[in-house]
């Protein structure tokens, strides 16, 4: 590796670090805002999870080098997320069925 190549990686890591700090500040700031959605905390949860997903993407794309991977890895990750969502949604459907919602 040349020193120019290493400098490029260091500057990229600094940019990601600053973006993660901004994301953390946004998360803390959003925790003080009232998101009243029919007297529920769903709005606050949505905002918090959206910021967390963006921060998770930054970490995965840069520190785990997923931004330079081939397209096949994205399909595998998408399939994994789909099945995880399905597995998390099955108990909700089961509980709704037991409550009488159909």
N, C-alpha and C. Protein backbone atom coordinates (compact mmCIF):
# COMPACT_ATOMS: atom_id res chain seq x y z
N UNK A 1 0.83 -1.18 0.00
CA UNK A 1 0.00 0.00 0.00
C UNK A 1 0.88 1.25 0.00
N UNK A 2 0.52 2.16 -0.82
CA UNK A 2 1.25 3.42 -0.84
C UNK A 2 0.69 4.35 0.23
N UNK A 3 1.47 5.36 0.55
CA UNK A 3 1.02 6.30 1.58
C UNK A 3 -0.19 7.10 1.11
N UNK A 4 -0.31 7.30 -0.21
CA UNK A 4 -1.48 8.00 -0.75
C UNK A 4 -2.74 7.17 -0.54
N UNK A 5 -2.62 5.86 -0.73
CA UNK A 5 -3.76 4.96 -0.55
C UNK A 5 -4.18 4.91 0.92
N UNK A 6 -3.22 4.88 1.82
CA UNK A 6 -3.52 4.86 3.25
C UNK A 6 -4.17 6.18 3.67
N UNK A 7 -3.69 7.28 3.13
CA UNK A 7 -4.27 8.59 3.45
C UNK A 7 -5.73 8.64 3.01
N UNK A 8 -6.03 8.02 1.87
CA UNK A 8 -7.42 7.99 1.40
C UNK A 8 -8.30 7.24 2.39
N UNK A 9 -7.82 6.09 2.89
CA UNK A 9 -8.61 5.32 3.85
C UNK A 9 -8.81 6.09 5.16
N UNK A 10 -7.76 6.76 5.62
CA UNK A 10 -7.86 7.51 6.87
C UNK A 10 -8.86 8.65 6.73
N UNK A 11 -8.82 9.35 5.60
CA UNK A 11 -9.78 10.45 5.41
C UNK A 11 -11.20 9.92 5.31
N UNK A 12 -11.37 8.74 4.71
CA UNK A 12 -12.69 8.12 4.63
C UNK A 12 -13.20 7.74 6.02
N UNK A 13 -12.32 7.19 6.85
CA UNK A 13 -12.71 6.82 8.21
C UNK A 13 -13.06 8.05 9.04
N UNK A 14 -12.35 9.14 8.82
CA UNK A 14 -12.67 10.37 9.54
C UNK A 14 -14.05 10.89 9.15
N UNK A 15 -14.37 10.83 7.86
CA UNK A 15 -15.69 11.27 7.40
C UNK A 15 -16.79 10.42 8.03
N UNK A 16 -16.58 9.12 8.08
CA UNK A 16 -17.57 8.23 8.68
C UNK A 16 -17.69 8.52 10.17
N UNK A 17 -16.57 8.76 10.84
CA UNK A 17 -16.60 9.08 12.26
C UNK A 17 -17.41 10.35 12.52
N UNK A 18 -17.21 11.37 11.71
CA UNK A 18 -17.96 12.62 11.87
C UNK A 18 -19.44 12.38 11.61
N UNK A 19 -19.77 11.59 10.58
CA UNK A 19 -21.17 11.28 10.30
C UNK A 19 -21.81 10.49 11.44
N UNK A 20 -21.06 9.58 12.05
CA UNK A 20 -21.58 8.83 13.19
C UNK A 20 -21.80 9.73 14.40
N UNK A 21 -20.91 10.70 14.60
CA UNK A 21 -21.11 11.66 15.69
C UNK A 21 -22.36 12.50 15.45
N UNK A 22 -22.56 12.92 14.20
CA UNK A 22 -23.76 13.69 13.87
C UNK A 22 -25.01 12.83 14.08
N UNK A 23 -24.94 11.56 13.67
CA UNK A 23 -26.07 10.65 13.87
C UNK A 23 -26.39 10.44 15.34
N UNK A 24 -25.35 10.35 16.17
CA UNK A 24 -25.56 10.20 17.60
C UNK A 24 -26.18 11.46 18.19
N UNK A 25 -25.71 12.62 17.75
CA UNK A 25 -26.31 13.88 18.21
C UNK A 25 -27.77 13.98 17.78
N UNK A 26 -28.08 13.54 16.57
CA UNK A 26 -29.47 13.54 16.11
C UNK A 26 -30.34 12.60 16.94
N UNK A 27 -29.78 11.46 17.31
CA UNK A 27 -30.53 10.51 18.13
C UNK A 27 -30.84 11.10 19.50
N UNK A 28 -29.85 11.73 20.11
CA UNK A 28 -30.07 12.35 21.42
C UNK A 28 -31.07 13.49 21.29
N UNK A 29 -30.92 14.32 20.25
CA UNK A 29 -31.85 15.43 20.03
C UNK A 29 -33.27 14.93 19.81
N UNK A 30 -33.41 13.85 19.02
CA UNK A 30 -34.74 13.32 18.72
C UNK A 30 -35.40 12.71 19.95
N UNK A 31 -34.60 12.31 20.93
CA UNK A 31 -35.20 11.73 22.14
C UNK A 31 -35.93 12.78 22.98
N UNK A 32 -35.63 14.04 22.78
CA UNK A 32 -36.29 15.11 23.53
C UNK A 32 -37.52 15.67 22.82
N UNK A 33 -37.77 15.25 21.60
CA UNK A 33 -38.90 15.77 20.83
C UNK A 33 -40.11 14.88 21.06
N UNK A 34 -41.27 15.51 21.20
CA UNK A 34 -42.53 14.78 21.36
C UNK A 34 -43.08 14.43 19.98
N UNK A 35 -43.12 13.16 19.67
CA UNK A 35 -43.71 12.67 18.43
C UNK A 35 -45.05 12.04 18.79
N UNK A 36 -46.07 12.84 18.90
CA UNK A 36 -47.38 12.32 19.29
C UNK A 36 -48.10 11.75 18.07
N UNK A 37 -48.16 10.46 18.03
CA UNK A 37 -48.92 9.76 17.00
C UNK A 37 -50.01 8.99 17.73
N UNK A 38 -51.15 9.60 17.90
CA UNK A 38 -52.29 9.00 18.60
C UNK A 38 -51.88 8.50 19.99
N UNK A 39 -51.24 9.37 20.76
CA UNK A 39 -50.78 9.06 22.12
C UNK A 39 -49.94 7.78 22.18
N UNK A 40 -49.04 7.66 21.23
CA UNK A 40 -48.18 6.48 21.14
C UNK A 40 -46.74 6.94 21.00
N UNK A 41 -45.82 6.05 21.28
CA UNK A 41 -44.40 6.37 21.08
C UNK A 41 -43.90 5.84 19.75
N UNK A 42 -44.81 5.47 18.86
CA UNK A 42 -44.43 4.89 17.58
C UNK A 42 -43.60 5.86 16.74
N UNK A 43 -43.92 7.14 16.79
CA UNK A 43 -43.15 8.12 16.01
C UNK A 43 -41.72 8.22 16.48
N UNK A 44 -41.52 8.23 17.80
CA UNK A 44 -40.17 8.30 18.35
C UNK A 44 -39.38 7.03 18.03
N UNK A 45 -40.04 5.89 18.10
CA UNK A 45 -39.37 4.64 17.76
C UNK A 45 -38.98 4.62 16.29
N UNK A 46 -39.87 5.10 15.42
CA UNK A 46 -39.58 5.14 13.99
C UNK A 46 -38.37 6.03 13.70
N UNK A 47 -38.33 7.22 14.31
CA UNK A 47 -37.21 8.13 14.07
C UNK A 47 -35.92 7.53 14.61
N UNK A 48 -35.96 6.97 15.80
CA UNK A 48 -34.76 6.36 16.38
C UNK A 48 -34.24 5.20 15.56
N UNK A 49 -35.14 4.34 15.09
CA UNK A 49 -34.71 3.20 14.28
C UNK A 49 -34.21 3.64 12.91
N UNK A 50 -34.79 4.69 12.35
CA UNK A 50 -34.31 5.19 11.06
C UNK A 50 -32.88 5.71 11.18
N UNK A 51 -32.61 6.46 12.23
CA UNK A 51 -31.25 6.96 12.45
C UNK A 51 -30.30 5.79 12.71
N UNK A 52 -30.73 4.80 13.46
CA UNK A 52 -29.89 3.63 13.75
C UNK A 52 -29.59 2.83 12.49
N UNK A 53 -30.56 2.71 11.59
CA UNK A 53 -30.34 1.98 10.34
C UNK A 53 -29.31 2.71 9.48
N UNK A 54 -29.41 4.03 9.42
CA UNK A 54 -28.44 4.80 8.64
C UNK A 54 -27.04 4.66 9.22
N UNK A 55 -26.93 4.73 10.55
CA UNK A 55 -25.63 4.57 11.19
C UNK A 55 -25.09 3.15 11.00
N UNK A 56 -25.97 2.17 11.07
CA UNK A 56 -25.54 0.79 10.83
C UNK A 56 -25.04 0.58 9.41
N UNK A 57 -25.72 1.22 8.45
CA UNK A 57 -25.25 1.14 7.06
C UNK A 57 -23.87 1.75 6.92
N UNK A 58 -23.64 2.90 7.55
CA UNK A 58 -22.32 3.53 7.47
C UNK A 58 -21.23 2.61 8.00
N UNK A 59 -21.49 1.98 9.13
CA UNK A 59 -20.49 1.08 9.71
C UNK A 59 -20.27 -0.14 8.82
N UNK A 60 -21.36 -0.76 8.37
CA UNK A 60 -21.22 -1.97 7.54
C UNK A 60 -20.57 -1.66 6.20
N UNK A 61 -20.93 -0.56 5.59
CA UNK A 61 -20.40 -0.24 4.27
C UNK A 61 -18.93 0.12 4.31
N UNK A 62 -18.50 0.80 5.36
CA UNK A 62 -17.12 1.29 5.38
C UNK A 62 -16.18 0.42 6.20
N UNK A 63 -16.54 0.07 7.41
CA UNK A 63 -15.63 -0.68 8.25
C UNK A 63 -15.63 -2.17 7.94
N UNK A 64 -16.74 -2.68 7.42
CA UNK A 64 -16.80 -4.09 7.03
C UNK A 64 -16.58 -4.25 5.52
N UNK A 65 -16.31 -3.15 4.84
CA UNK A 65 -15.98 -3.11 3.41
C UNK A 65 -17.06 -3.71 2.53
N UNK A 66 -18.32 -3.52 2.90
CA UNK A 66 -19.41 -4.04 2.07
C UNK A 66 -19.69 -3.17 0.86
N UNK A 67 -19.17 -1.93 0.86
CA UNK A 67 -19.40 -1.07 -0.30
C UNK A 67 -18.60 -1.51 -1.51
N UNK A 68 -17.59 -2.35 -1.33
CA UNK A 68 -16.81 -2.84 -2.46
C UNK A 68 -17.08 -4.31 -2.77
N UNK A 69 -18.09 -4.88 -2.15
CA UNK A 69 -18.43 -6.28 -2.40
C UNK A 69 -19.17 -6.44 -3.72
N UNK A 70 -19.25 -7.68 -4.15
CA UNK A 70 -20.00 -7.98 -5.36
C UNK A 70 -21.49 -7.97 -5.06
N UNK A 71 -22.29 -7.95 -6.11
CA UNK A 71 -23.74 -7.86 -5.96
C UNK A 71 -24.34 -9.09 -5.29
N UNK A 72 -23.68 -10.22 -5.36
CA UNK A 72 -24.22 -11.45 -4.78
C UNK A 72 -24.40 -11.32 -3.27
N UNK A 73 -23.46 -10.63 -2.61
CA UNK A 73 -23.56 -10.48 -1.16
C UNK A 73 -24.79 -9.67 -0.78
N UNK A 74 -25.16 -8.71 -1.63
CA UNK A 74 -26.35 -7.91 -1.33
C UNK A 74 -27.61 -8.76 -1.40
N UNK A 75 -27.68 -9.67 -2.35
CA UNK A 75 -28.85 -10.55 -2.45
C UNK A 75 -28.92 -11.49 -1.25
N UNK A 76 -27.78 -11.98 -0.82
CA UNK A 76 -27.76 -12.85 0.36
C UNK A 76 -28.20 -12.08 1.61
N UNK A 77 -27.71 -10.86 1.77
CA UNK A 77 -28.11 -10.04 2.91
C UNK A 77 -29.59 -9.69 2.85
N UNK A 78 -30.10 -9.39 1.67
CA UNK A 78 -31.51 -9.06 1.52
C UNK A 78 -32.39 -10.26 1.86
N UNK A 79 -31.98 -11.44 1.43
CA UNK A 79 -32.72 -12.65 1.75
C UNK A 79 -32.70 -12.92 3.26
N UNK A 80 -31.56 -12.67 3.90
CA UNK A 80 -31.45 -12.85 5.34
C UNK A 80 -32.37 -11.88 6.09
N UNK A 81 -32.40 -10.63 5.67
CA UNK A 81 -33.27 -9.65 6.31
C UNK A 81 -34.74 -10.02 6.10
N UNK A 82 -35.08 -10.52 4.92
CA UNK A 82 -36.46 -10.93 4.66
C UNK A 82 -36.89 -12.04 5.60
N UNK A 83 -36.06 -13.08 5.74
CA UNK A 83 -36.43 -14.19 6.62
C UNK A 83 -36.41 -13.78 8.09
N UNK A 84 -35.52 -12.89 8.48
CA UNK A 84 -35.53 -12.39 9.85
C UNK A 84 -36.82 -11.63 10.14
N UNK A 85 -37.23 -10.79 9.20
CA UNK A 85 -38.48 -10.06 9.35
C UNK A 85 -39.66 -11.01 9.42
N UNK A 86 -39.65 -12.02 8.59
CA UNK A 86 -40.71 -13.02 8.61
C UNK A 86 -40.76 -13.74 9.95
N UNK A 87 -39.59 -14.14 10.46
CA UNK A 87 -39.55 -14.84 11.74
C UNK A 87 -39.99 -13.95 12.90
N UNK A 88 -39.72 -12.66 12.81
CA UNK A 88 -40.16 -11.75 13.85
C UNK A 88 -41.64 -11.42 13.74
N UNK A 89 -42.20 -11.55 12.54
CA UNK A 89 -43.60 -11.19 12.32
C UNK A 89 -44.54 -12.35 12.65
N UNK A 90 -44.06 -13.58 12.60
CA UNK A 90 -44.91 -14.75 12.87
C UNK A 90 -45.51 -14.71 14.28
N UNK A 91 -44.75 -14.41 15.34
CA UNK A 91 -45.39 -14.34 16.66
C UNK A 91 -46.46 -13.25 16.77
N UNK A 92 -46.28 -12.15 16.04
CA UNK A 92 -47.29 -11.10 16.05
C UNK A 92 -48.58 -11.62 15.43
N UNK A 93 -48.47 -12.32 14.32
CA UNK A 93 -49.66 -12.90 13.69
C UNK A 93 -50.31 -13.93 14.60
N UNK A 94 -49.49 -14.73 15.26
CA UNK A 94 -50.01 -15.75 16.18
C UNK A 94 -50.77 -15.09 17.33
N UNK A 95 -50.21 -14.01 17.87
CA UNK A 95 -50.86 -13.32 18.98
C UNK A 95 -52.14 -12.64 18.52
N UNK A 96 -52.15 -12.05 17.35
CA UNK A 96 -53.37 -11.43 16.83
C UNK A 96 -54.45 -12.47 16.60
N UNK A 97 -54.06 -13.66 16.18
CA UNK A 97 -55.03 -14.74 15.98
C UNK A 97 -55.63 -15.17 17.31
N UNK A 98 -54.82 -15.21 18.36
CA UNK A 98 -55.33 -15.59 19.68
C UNK A 98 -56.24 -14.53 20.28
N UNK A 99 -56.05 -13.27 19.88
CA UNK A 99 -56.90 -12.20 20.39
C UNK A 99 -58.22 -12.09 19.65
N UNK A 100 -58.34 -12.77 18.55
CA UNK A 100 -59.59 -12.75 17.81
C UNK A 100 -59.59 -11.84 16.60
N UNK A 101 -58.45 -11.22 16.28
CA UNK A 101 -58.37 -10.39 15.08
C UNK A 101 -58.13 -11.28 13.88
N UNK A 102 -58.96 -11.15 12.88
CA UNK A 102 -58.78 -11.97 11.68
C UNK A 102 -59.00 -11.15 10.45
